[in-house]
Amino acid sequence: MIGTLNDRRPLKIRDRILDSGSRCLLMGILNVTPDSFSDGGAYAHRDAAVEHALGMCAAGADIIDIGGESTRPGAAEISESEEMDRVLPVIAALRACSEVPISVDTRHAAVAEAAIHAGADIVNDVSALRHDPLMAGVAARGAVPVVLMHMQGNPETMQHAPDYDNVVEEVNIFFEERIAFCRAAGITQLLLDPGIGFGKTVEHNLALLRGLGSFRHFGYPLLVGTSRKSFIGAVTGAAVDDRLPGSIASGVLAYMNGARILRVHDVRPMRAALDVAEAIAHGEVQHAF
């Protein structure tokens, strides 16, 4: 499925171009929360968060995705003020010392707007702009790319017996509706995320990863996040901290099936795996020495 479709067109991030055509981009995950499923609490303080972000950049991250509200299964919504207290100091501090594109992972328009003013370049909304009716206007005025992610239900309820007749077809229909909504709102740059682990069973997740190519006809880059997720544990029996092999395998296969951006915790090993996959797929070798 790897080719030259227009889902490889570059993203305009402020005054620079971020091109996913030459290689798969990596979005490094930075959770500044006390309760995220994998690394909750590890980077809750600004200095530790910025240090980790810079480390991910050095390891090969192309984008840093900063989130202040856990969206793990069963997570409750927090106030906008609490979310801003978590993310804004980190975004401002990272922007002051790095030009790396910053994504803010939020469902709340007020948080997104403040984050854009603080230096964020992308809005990554797990609700695909459905949670907050003001979010579309914020994204349009900010002229920032938006990640539209599919989720059945919300984080508190999404894993309560998720059900689909055909998950790939239903996510396609969802993207079609959300893309039309965004275009009408004046949002021109989109990324599509099928929402692995968000309101899906293990079988749903596997079907979506196999069927990623069916989303390429929309002409927008596909963003996929499988890193350390529970379906890997269900397949392998591995605990959260031991899911790197499954994360790499699923990430490489997502790339081979059309993903242009991978959202990951473990940047360096994923970059190395993708370097090999890209060399095999395209016959182009970036020598490390």
C-alpha atoms as a PDB file:
ATOM      1  CA  MET A   1       0.000   0.000   0.000  1.00  0.00           C
ATOM      2  CA  ILE A   2       3.005   2.349   0.243  1.00  0.00           C
ATOM      3  CA  GLY A   3       2.917   4.708  -2.716  1.00  0.00           C
ATOM      4  CA  THR A   4       2.660   8.312  -3.783  1.00  0.00           C
ATOM      5  CA  LEU A   5      -0.973   9.075  -3.023  1.00  0.00           C
ATOM      6  CA  ASN A   6      -1.807  12.596  -1.923  1.00  0.00           C
ATOM      7  CA  ASP A   7      -1.990  11.422   1.698  1.00  0.00           C
ATOM      8  CA  ARG A   8       1.753  12.086   1.585  1.00  0.00           C
ATOM      9  CA  ARG A   9       1.308  15.795   0.968  1.00  0.00           C
ATOM     10  CA  PRO A  10       3.192  17.990   3.442  1.00  0.00           C
ATOM     11  CA  LEU A  11       1.679  19.672   6.472  1.00  0.00           C
ATOM     12  CA  LYS A  12       2.162  23.392   6.875  1.00  0.00           C
ATOM     13  CA  ILE A  13       3.161  24.126  10.462  1.00  0.00           C
ATOM     14  CA  ARG A  14       3.208  27.890  10.933  1.00  0.00           C
ATOM     15  CA  ASP A  15       5.978  29.011   8.532  1.00  0.00           C
ATOM     16  CA  ARG A  16       7.550  25.606   7.926  1.00  0.00           C
ATOM     17  CA  ILE A  17       6.693  22.472   5.987  1.00  0.00           C
ATOM     18  CA  LEU A  18       6.564  19.091   7.728  1.00  0.00           C
ATOM     19  CA  ASP A  19       6.811  16.529   4.953  1.00  0.00           C
ATOM     20  CA  SER A  20       5.595  12.984   5.594  1.00  0.00           C
ATOM     21  CA  GLY A  21       6.359  12.034   2.008  1.00  0.00           C
ATOM     22  CA  SER A  22      10.012  11.168   2.429  1.00  0.00           C
ATOM     23  CA  ARG A  23       9.614   9.119   5.606  1.00  0.00           C
ATOM     24  CA  CYS A  24       7.129   8.157   8.299  1.00  0.00           C
ATOM     25  CA  LEU A  25       7.002  10.847  10.974  1.00  0.00           C
ATOM     26  CA  LEU A  26       7.076  10.143  14.690  1.00  0.00           C
ATOM     27  CA  MET A  27       4.890  11.949  17.227  1.00  0.00           C
ATOM     28  CA  GLY A  28       6.438  11.574  20.666  1.00  0.00           C
ATOM     29  CA  ILE A  29       3.937  11.177  23.502  1.00  0.00           C
ATOM     30  CA  LEU A  30       4.325  13.533  26.467  1.00  0.00           C
ATOM     31  CA  ASN A  31       1.677  12.958  29.128  1.00  0.00           C
ATOM     32  CA  VAL A  32       1.779  15.629  31.826  1.00  0.00           C
ATOM     33  CA  THR A  33      -0.869  13.805  33.826  1.00  0.00           C
ATOM     34  CA  PRO A  34      -0.823  11.853  37.091  1.00  0.00           C
ATOM     35  CA  ASP A  35      -2.950   9.004  35.740  1.00  0.00           C
ATOM     36  CA  SER A  36      -2.198   8.106  32.110  1.00  0.00           C
ATOM     37  CA  PHE A  37      -2.205   4.354  31.502  1.00  0.00           C
ATOM     38  CA  SER A  38       1.512   4.009  30.759  1.00  0.00           C
ATOM     39  CA  ASP A  39       3.577   6.863  32.183  1.00  0.00           C
ATOM     40  CA  GLY A  40       1.161   8.777  34.401  1.00  0.00           C
ATOM     41  CA  GLY A  41       3.021  11.022  36.832  1.00  0.00           C
ATOM     42  CA  ALA A  42       6.466  10.539  35.305  1.00  0.00           C
ATOM     43  CA  TYR A  43       6.475  13.949  33.619  1.00  0.00           C
ATOM     44  CA  ALA A  44       3.982  15.914  35.677  1.00  0.00           C
ATOM     45  CA  HIS A  45       6.526  18.630  36.505  1.00  0.00           C
ATOM     46  CA  ARG A  46       7.492  21.157  33.841  1.00  0.00           C
ATOM     47  CA  ASP A  47      11.256  20.664  33.904  1.00  0.00           C
ATOM     48  CA  ALA A  48      11.015  16.864  33.735  1.00  0.00           C
ATOM     49  CA  ALA A  49       8.485  17.145  30.905  1.00  0.00           C
ATOM     50  CA  VAL A  50      10.629  19.502  28.837  1.00  0.00           C
ATOM     51  CA  GLU A  51      13.727  17.371  29.412  1.00  0.00           C
ATOM     52  CA  HIS A  52      11.843  14.298  28.213  1.00  0.00           C
ATOM     53  CA  ALA A  53      10.513  16.161  25.168  1.00  0.00           C
ATOM     54  CA  LEU A  54      14.006  17.287  24.172  1.00  0.00           C
ATOM     55  CA  GLY A  55      15.239  13.729  24.648  1.00  0.00           C
ATOM     56  CA  MET A  56      12.539  12.451  22.298  1.00  0.00           C
ATOM     57  CA  CYS A  57      13.539  15.090  19.749  1.00  0.00           C
ATOM     58  CA  ALA A  58      17.167  13.968  19.957  1.00  0.00           C
ATOM     59  CA  ALA A  59      15.994  10.375  19.473  1.00  0.00           C
ATOM     60  CA  GLY A  60      14.147  11.243  16.264  1.00  0.00           C
ATOM     61  CA  ALA A  61      10.710  12.630  17.176  1.00  0.00           C
ATOM     62  CA  ASP A  62       9.294  14.985  14.536  1.00  0.00           C
ATOM     63  CA  ILE A  63       6.375  16.231  16.674  1.00  0.00           C
ATOM     64  CA  ILE A  64       5.784  16.326  20.432  1.00  0.00           C
ATOM     65  CA  ASP A  65       2.192  15.631  21.542  1.00  0.00           C
ATOM     66  CA  ILE A  66       1.453  17.150  24.962  1.00  0.00           C
ATOM     67  CA  GLY A  67      -1.624  16.022  26.879  1.00  0.00           C
ATOM     68  CA  GLY A  68      -2.894  17.110  30.284  1.00  0.00           C
ATOM     69  CA  GLU A  69      -6.052  14.991  30.548  1.00  0.00           C
ATOM     70  CA  SER A  70      -5.867  11.212  30.628  1.00  0.00           C
ATOM     71  CA  THR A  71      -8.059   9.503  28.044  1.00  0.00           C
ATOM     72  CA  ARG A  72      -7.330   5.961  29.214  1.00  0.00           C
ATOM     73  CA  PRO A  73     -10.394   3.693  29.466  1.00  0.00           C
ATOM     74  CA  GLY A  74     -12.524   4.793  32.414  1.00  0.00           C
ATOM     75  CA  ALA A  75     -10.840   8.183  32.813  1.00  0.00           C
ATOM     76  CA  ALA A  76     -13.041  11.009  34.084  1.00  0.00           C
ATOM     77  CA  GLU A  77     -13.051  14.475  32.553  1.00  0.00           C
ATOM     78  CA  ILE A  78     -11.108  17.173  34.402  1.00  0.00           C
ATOM     79  CA  SER A  79     -11.700  20.921  34.486  1.00  0.00           C
ATOM     80  CA  GLU A  80     -10.311  23.154  31.776  1.00  0.00           C
ATOM     81  CA  SER A  81      -8.381  25.185  34.343  1.00  0.00           C
ATOM     82  CA  GLU A  82      -6.652  22.098  35.709  1.00  0.00           C
ATOM     83  CA  GLU A  83      -5.787  20.929  32.217  1.00  0.00           C
ATOM     84  CA  MET A  84      -4.350  24.335  31.330  1.00  0.00           C
ATOM     85  CA  ASP A  85      -2.303  24.408  34.523  1.00  0.00           C
ATOM     86  CA  ARG A  86      -0.703  21.162  33.402  1.00  0.00           C
ATOM     87  CA  VAL A  87      -0.030  21.794  29.729  1.00  0.00           C
ATOM     88  CA  LEU A  88       0.542  25.518  29.217  1.00  0.00           C
ATOM     89  CA  PRO A  89       3.781  25.870  31.223  1.00  0.00           C
ATOM     90  CA  VAL A  90       5.242  22.866  29.402  1.00  0.00           C
ATOM     91  CA  ILE A  91       4.227  24.117  25.950  1.00  0.00           C
ATOM     92  CA  ALA A  92       5.622  27.593  26.634  1.00  0.00           C
ATOM     93  CA  ALA A  93       8.887  26.254  28.052  1.00  0.00           C
ATOM     94  CA  LEU A  94       9.389  23.791  25.195  1.00  0.00           C
ATOM     95  CA  ARG A  95       8.603  26.439  22.584  1.00  0.00           C
ATOM     96  CA  ALA A  96      11.140  28.779  24.205  1.00  0.00           C
ATOM     97  CA  CYS A  97      13.969  26.287  23.713  1.00  0.00           C
ATOM     98  CA  SER A  98      12.964  24.295  20.615  1.00  0.00           C
ATOM     99  CA  GLU A  99      11.376  24.742  17.195  1.00  0.00           C
ATOM    100  CA  VAL A 100       9.896  21.220  17.226  1.00  0.00           C
ATOM    101  CA  PRO A 101       6.233  21.160  16.142  1.00  0.00           C
ATOM    102  CA  ILE A 102       4.019  20.841  19.219  1.00  0.00           C
ATOM    103  CA  SER A 103       0.640  19.133  19.273  1.00  0.00           C
ATOM    104  CA  VAL A 104      -1.803  19.695  22.122  1.00  0.00           C
ATOM    105  CA  ASP A 105      -3.902  16.647  22.986  1.00  0.00           C
ATOM    106  CA  THR A 106      -7.182  18.135  24.212  1.00  0.00           C
ATOM    107  CA  ARG A 107     -10.963  17.999  23.763  1.00  0.00           C
ATOM    108  CA  HIS A 108     -11.527  21.495  25.138  1.00  0.00           C
ATOM    109  CA  ALA A 109     -11.652  24.648  23.030  1.00  0.00           C
ATOM    110  CA  ALA A 110     -10.401  26.963  25.768  1.00  0.00           C
ATOM    111  CA  VAL A 111      -7.380  24.724  26.365  1.00  0.00           C
ATOM    112  CA  ALA A 112      -6.640  24.477  22.652  1.00  0.00           C
ATOM    113  CA  GLU A 113      -6.873  28.231  22.171  1.00  0.00           C
ATOM    114  CA  ALA A 114      -4.560  28.945  25.107  1.00  0.00           C
ATOM    115  CA  ALA A 115      -2.167  26.247  23.916  1.00  0.00           C
ATOM    116  CA  ILE A 116      -1.983  27.763  20.416  1.00  0.00           C
ATOM    117  CA  HIS A 117      -1.165  31.152  21.957  1.00  0.00           C
ATOM    118  CA  ALA A 118       1.521  29.461  24.080  1.00  0.00           C
ATOM    119  CA  GLY A 119       3.143  27.901  21.008  1.00  0.00           C
ATOM    120  CA  ALA A 120       1.237  24.759  20.017  1.00  0.00           C
ATOM    121  CA  ASP A 121       1.014  24.034  16.297  1.00  0.00           C
ATOM    122  CA  ILE A 122      -1.506  21.165  16.042  1.00  0.00           C
ATOM    123  CA  VAL A 123      -4.750  20.283  17.835  1.00  0.00           C
ATOM    124  CA  ASN A 124      -5.116  16.558  18.522  1.00  0.00           C
ATOM    125  CA  ASP A 125      -8.745  16.044  19.567  1.00  0.00           C
ATOM    126  CA  VAL A 126      -9.754  12.491  20.520  1.00  0.00           C
ATOM    127  CA  SER A 127     -13.398  13.490  20.068  1.00  0.00           C
ATOM    128  CA  ALA A 128     -12.841  14.734  16.490  1.00  0.00           C
ATOM    129  CA  LEU A 129     -14.279  18.158  17.472  1.00  0.00           C
ATOM    130  CA  ARG A 130     -17.511  16.641  18.837  1.00  0.00           C
ATOM    131  CA  HIS A 131     -16.938  17.204  22.556  1.00  0.00           C
ATOM    132  CA  ASP A 132     -16.754  21.005  22.566  1.00  0.00           C
ATOM    133  CA  PRO A 133     -18.872  22.960  20.044  1.00  0.00           C
ATOM    134  CA  LEU A 134     -16.381  25.838  20.157  1.00  0.00           C
ATOM    135  CA  MET A 135     -13.379  23.744  19.134  1.00  0.00           C
ATOM    136  CA  ALA A 136     -13.894  24.017  15.368  1.00  0.00           C
ATOM    137  CA  GLY A 137     -13.863  27.800  15.546  1.00  0.00           C
ATOM    138  CA  VAL A 138     -10.673  27.804  17.607  1.00  0.00           C
ATOM    139  CA  ALA A 139      -8.922  25.518  15.127  1.00  0.00           C
ATOM    140  CA  ALA A 140     -10.110  27.525  12.121  1.00  0.00           C
ATOM    141  CA  ARG A 141      -9.035  30.862  13.596  1.00  0.00           C
ATOM    142  CA  GLY A 142      -5.698  29.423  14.623  1.00  0.00           C
ATOM    143  CA  ALA A 143      -5.169  27.969  11.132  1.00  0.00           C
ATOM    144  CA  VAL A 144      -3.672  24.844  12.690  1.00  0.00           C
ATOM    145  CA  PRO A 145      -3.851  21.229  11.505  1.00  0.00           C
ATOM    146  CA  VAL A 146      -6.365  19.090  13.391  1.00  0.00           C
ATOM    147  CA  VAL A 147      -6.189  15.395  14.201  1.00  0.00           C
ATOM    148  CA  LEU A 148      -9.609  13.764  13.850  1.00  0.00           C
ATOM    149  CA  MET A 149      -9.708  10.591  15.909  1.00  0.00           C
ATOM    150  CA  HIS A 150     -12.485   8.035  15.921  1.00  0.00           C
ATOM    151  CA  MET A 151     -13.849   7.020  19.312  1.00  0.00           C
ATOM    152  CA  GLN A 152     -17.033   5.157  20.165  1.00  0.00           C
ATOM    153  CA  GLY A 153     -18.441   6.773  23.308  1.00  0.00           C
ATOM    154  CA  ASN A 154     -16.089   8.744  25.549  1.00  0.00           C
ATOM    155  CA  PRO A 155     -13.087   7.761  27.694  1.00  0.00           C
ATOM    156  CA  GLU A 156     -15.298   6.906  30.662  1.00  0.00           C
ATOM    157  CA  THR A 157     -17.557   4.581  28.659  1.00  0.00           C
ATOM    158  CA  MET A 158     -15.705   3.629  25.477  1.00  0.00           C
ATOM    159  CA  GLN A 159     -14.673   0.141  26.568  1.00  0.00           C
ATOM    160  CA  HIS A 160     -18.133  -0.826  27.821  1.00  0.00           C
ATOM    161  CA  ALA A 161     -18.947  -3.464  25.191  1.00  0.00           C
ATOM    162  CA  PRO A 162     -17.939  -1.615  21.985  1.00  0.00           C
ATOM    163  CA  ASP A 163     -19.920  -2.918  19.026  1.00  0.00           C
ATOM    164  CA  TYR A 164     -19.738  -2.546  15.236  1.00  0.00           C
ATOM    165  CA  ASP A 165     -21.233  -4.361  12.273  1.00  0.00           C
ATOM    166  CA  ASN A 166     -18.092  -3.582  10.273  1.00  0.00           C
ATOM    167  CA  VAL A 167     -15.563  -1.427  12.105  1.00  0.00           C
ATOM    168  CA  VAL A 168     -13.583  -0.383   9.020  1.00  0.00           C
ATOM    169  CA  GLU A 169     -16.691   0.689   7.109  1.00  0.00           C
ATOM    170  CA  GLU A 170     -18.101   2.530  10.113  1.00  0.00           C
ATOM    171  CA  VAL A 171     -14.860   4.433  10.727  1.00  0.00           C
ATOM    172  CA  ASN A 172     -14.844   5.363   7.028  1.00  0.00           C
ATOM    173  CA  ILE A 173     -18.355   6.784   7.368  1.00  0.00           C
ATOM    174  CA  PHE A 174     -17.291   8.660  10.502  1.00  0.00           C
ATOM    175  CA  PHE A 175     -14.314  10.235   8.734  1.00  0.00           C
ATOM    176  CA  GLU A 176     -16.476  11.254   5.794  1.00  0.00           C
ATOM    177  CA  GLU A 177     -18.874  13.113   8.098  1.00  0.00           C
ATOM    178  CA  ARG A 178     -16.148  14.737  10.198  1.00  0.00           C
ATOM    179  CA  ILE A 179     -14.157  15.863   7.157  1.00  0.00           C
ATOM    180  CA  ALA A 180     -17.259  17.522   5.699  1.00  0.00           C
ATOM    181  CA  PHE A 181     -17.879  19.241   9.037  1.00  0.00           C
ATOM    182  CA  CYS A 182     -14.318  20.549   9.195  1.00  0.00           C
ATOM    183  CA  ARG A 183     -14.322  21.799   5.635  1.00  0.00           C
ATOM    184  CA  ALA A 184     -17.533  23.688   6.295  1.00  0.00           C
ATOM    185  CA  ALA A 185     -15.903  25.219   9.375  1.00  0.00           C
ATOM    186  CA  GLY A 186     -12.910  26.428   7.376  1.00  0.00           C
ATOM    187  CA  ILE A 187     -10.389  23.875   8.657  1.00  0.00           C
ATOM    188  CA  THR A 188      -8.162  22.948   5.752  1.00  0.00           C
ATOM    189  CA  GLN A 189      -5.443  20.711   7.203  1.00  0.00           C
ATOM    190  CA  LEU A 190      -6.495  17.387   8.702  1.00  0.00           C
ATOM    191  CA  LEU A 191      -4.935  14.169   9.924  1.00  0.00           C
ATOM    192  CA  LEU A 192      -7.038  11.032  10.368  1.00  0.00           C
ATOM    193  CA  ASP A 193      -6.593   8.690  13.338  1.00  0.00           C
ATOM    194  CA  PRO A 194      -8.713   5.496  13.471  1.00  0.00           C
ATOM    195  CA  GLY A 195      -8.485   5.510  17.273  1.00  0.00           C
ATOM    196  CA  ILE A 196      -6.822   2.213  18.130  1.00  0.00           C
ATOM    197  CA  GLY A 197      -7.985   1.259  21.622  1.00  0.00           C
ATOM    198  CA  PHE A 198     -10.705   3.901  21.794  1.00  0.00           C
ATOM    199  CA  GLY A 199     -14.020   2.067  21.936  1.00  0.00           C
ATOM    200  CA  LYS A 200     -12.706  -1.085  20.255  1.00  0.00           C
ATOM    201  CA  THR A 201     -12.146  -4.711  21.155  1.00  0.00           C
ATOM    202  CA  VAL A 202      -8.912  -6.492  20.322  1.00  0.00           C
ATOM    203  CA  GLU A 203     -10.521  -7.810  17.132  1.00  0.00           C
ATOM    204  CA  HIS A 204     -11.681  -4.312  16.132  1.00  0.00           C
ATOM    205  CA  ASN A 205      -8.159  -2.947  16.599  1.00  0.00           C
ATOM    206  CA  LEU A 206      -6.605  -5.698  14.498  1.00  0.00           C
ATOM    207  CA  ALA A 207      -9.197  -5.211  11.757  1.00  0.00           C
ATOM    208  CA  LEU A 208      -8.480  -1.464  11.629  1.00  0.00           C
ATOM    209  CA  LEU A 209      -4.736  -2.021  11.383  1.00  0.00           C
ATOM    210  CA  ARG A 210      -5.278  -4.477   8.536  1.00  0.00           C
ATOM    211  CA  GLY A 211      -7.686  -2.074   6.841  1.00  0.00           C
ATOM    212  CA  LEU A 212      -5.746   1.189   7.146  1.00  0.00           C
ATOM    213  CA  GLY A 213      -5.357   1.418   3.384  1.00  0.00           C
ATOM    214  CA  SER A 214      -9.101   1.933   2.996  1.00  0.00           C
ATOM    215  CA  PHE A 215      -8.786   5.372   4.657  1.00  0.00           C
ATOM    216  CA  ARG A 216      -6.234   6.714   2.185  1.00  0.00           C
ATOM    217  CA  HIS A 217      -8.835   7.727  -0.385  1.00  0.00           C
ATOM    218  CA  PHE A 218      -9.691  10.771   1.749  1.00  0.00           C
ATOM    219  CA  GLY A 219      -6.329  12.247   0.802  1.00  0.00           C
ATOM    220  CA  TYR A 220      -5.242  13.142   4.335  1.00  0.00           C
ATOM    221  CA  PRO A 221      -2.264  11.714   6.252  1.00  0.00           C
ATOM    222  CA  LEU A 222      -3.067   8.797   8.542  1.00  0.00           C
ATOM    223  CA  LEU A 223      -1.897   9.029  12.147  1.00  0.00           C
ATOM    224  CA  VAL A 224      -1.863   5.782  14.130  1.00  0.00           C
ATOM    225  CA  GLY A 225      -1.145   5.176  17.811  1.00  0.00           C
ATOM    226  CA  THR A 226      -0.607   1.596  18.983  1.00  0.00           C
ATOM    227  CA  SER A 227       2.195   2.227  21.467  1.00  0.00           C
ATOM    228  CA  ARG A 228       1.947   0.046  24.608  1.00  0.00           C
ATOM    229  CA  LYS A 229      -1.821  -0.377  24.190  1.00  0.00           C
ATOM    230  CA  SER A 230      -3.875  -3.113  25.786  1.00  0.00           C
ATOM    231  CA  PHE A 231      -4.526  -5.071  22.596  1.00  0.00           C
ATOM    232  CA  ILE A 232      -0.778  -5.798  22.492  1.00  0.00           C
ATOM    233  CA  GLY A 233      -1.032  -7.164  26.019  1.00  0.00           C
ATOM    234  CA  ALA A 234      -4.035  -9.258  25.012  1.00  0.00           C
ATOM    235  CA  VAL A 235      -2.102 -10.774  22.109  1.00  0.00           C
ATOM    236  CA  THR A 236       1.243 -11.273  23.884  1.00  0.00           C
ATOM    237  CA  GLY A 237       0.416 -11.383  27.587  1.00  0.00           C
ATOM    238  CA  ALA A 238       2.914  -8.559  28.179  1.00  0.00           C
ATOM    239  CA  ALA A 239       2.452  -5.924  30.872  1.00  0.00           C
ATOM    240  CA  VAL A 240       2.434  -2.252  29.869  1.00  0.00           C
ATOM    241  CA  ASP A 241       6.166  -1.757  30.360  1.00  0.00           C
ATOM    242  CA  ASP A 242       6.994  -4.868  28.318  1.00  0.00           C
ATOM    243  CA  ARG A 243       5.058  -4.026  25.159  1.00  0.00           C
ATOM    244  CA  LEU A 244       7.874  -2.517  23.109  1.00  0.00           C
ATOM    245  CA  PRO A 245       8.189  -5.487  20.705  1.00  0.00           C
ATOM    246  CA  GLY A 246       4.450  -5.443  20.002  1.00  0.00           C
ATOM    247  CA  SER A 247       4.495  -1.666  19.674  1.00  0.00           C
ATOM    248  CA  ILE A 248       7.256  -1.859  17.082  1.00  0.00           C
ATOM    249  CA  ALA A 249       5.597  -4.684  15.150  1.00  0.00           C
ATOM    250  CA  SER A 250       2.230  -2.939  15.019  1.00  0.00           C
ATOM    251  CA  GLY A 251       3.830   0.411  14.188  1.00  0.00           C
ATOM    252  CA  VAL A 252       5.853  -0.953  11.285  1.00  0.00           C
ATOM    253  CA  LEU A 253       2.832  -2.800   9.905  1.00  0.00           C
ATOM    254  CA  ALA A 254       0.751   0.374  10.268  1.00  0.00           C
ATOM    255  CA  TYR A 255       3.378   2.192   8.224  1.00  0.00           C
ATOM    256  CA  MET A 256       3.384  -0.545   5.595  1.00  0.00           C
ATOM    257  CA  ASN A 257      -0.418  -0.261   5.403  1.00  0.00           C
ATOM    258  CA  GLY A 258      -0.395   3.494   4.876  1.00  0.00           C
ATOM    259  CA  ALA A 259       0.229   5.311   8.185  1.00  0.00           C
ATOM    260  CA  ARG A 260       2.257   8.471   7.672  1.00  0.00           C
ATOM    261  CA  ILE A 261       2.626   9.456  11.351  1.00  0.00           C
ATOM    262  CA  LEU A 262       3.026   7.144  14.341  1.00  0.00           C
ATOM    263  CA  ARG A 263       2.274   8.326  17.877  1.00  0.00           C
ATOM    264  CA  VAL A 264       4.798   6.582  20.148  1.00  0.00           C
ATOM    265  CA  HIS A 265       6.346   6.440  23.597  1.00  0.00           C
ATOM    266  CA  ASP A 266       9.630   4.789  22.595  1.00  0.00           C
ATOM    267  CA  VAL A 267      11.020   7.044  19.894  1.00  0.00           C
ATOM    268  CA  ARG A 268      14.538   5.725  19.335  1.00  0.00           C
ATOM    269  CA  PRO A 269      13.720   2.023  18.788  1.00  0.00           C
ATOM    270  CA  MET A 270      10.702   2.906  16.645  1.00  0.00           C
ATOM    271  CA  ARG A 271      12.804   5.229  14.493  1.00  0.00           C
ATOM    272  CA  ALA A 272      15.368   2.473  13.985  1.00  0.00           C
ATOM    273  CA  ALA A 273      12.670  -0.045  13.040  1.00  0.00           C
ATOM    274  CA  LEU A 274      11.138   2.395  10.577  1.00  0.00           C
ATOM    275  CA  ASP A 275      14.520   3.170   9.026  1.00  0.00           C
ATOM    276  CA  VAL A 276      14.830  -0.511   8.146  1.00  0.00           C
ATOM    277  CA  ALA A 277      11.216  -0.765   6.941  1.00  0.00           C
ATOM    278  CA  GLU A 278      11.614   2.330   4.767  1.00  0.00           C
ATOM    279  CA  ALA A 279      14.876   1.048   3.293  1.00  0.00           C
ATOM    280  CA  ILE A 280      13.165  -2.226   2.362  1.00  0.00           C
ATOM    281  CA  ALA A 281      10.087  -0.478   0.956  1.00  0.00           C
ATOM    282  CA  HIS A 282      11.853   2.222  -1.030  1.00  0.00           C
ATOM    283  CA  GLY A 283      15.395   0.946  -1.536  1.00  0.00           C
ATOM    284  CA  GLU A 284      16.843   4.116  -0.015  1.00  0.00           C
ATOM    285  CA  VAL A 285      19.349   3.770   2.807  1.00  0.00           C
ATOM    286  CA  GLN A 286      20.224   6.566   5.208  1.00  0.00           C
ATOM    287  CA  HIS A 287      23.659   5.406   6.406  1.00  0.00           C
ATOM    288  CA  ALA A 288      24.229   5.846  10.135  1.00  0.00           C
ATOM    289  CA  PHE A 289      28.039   6.100   9.708  1.00  0.00           C
END
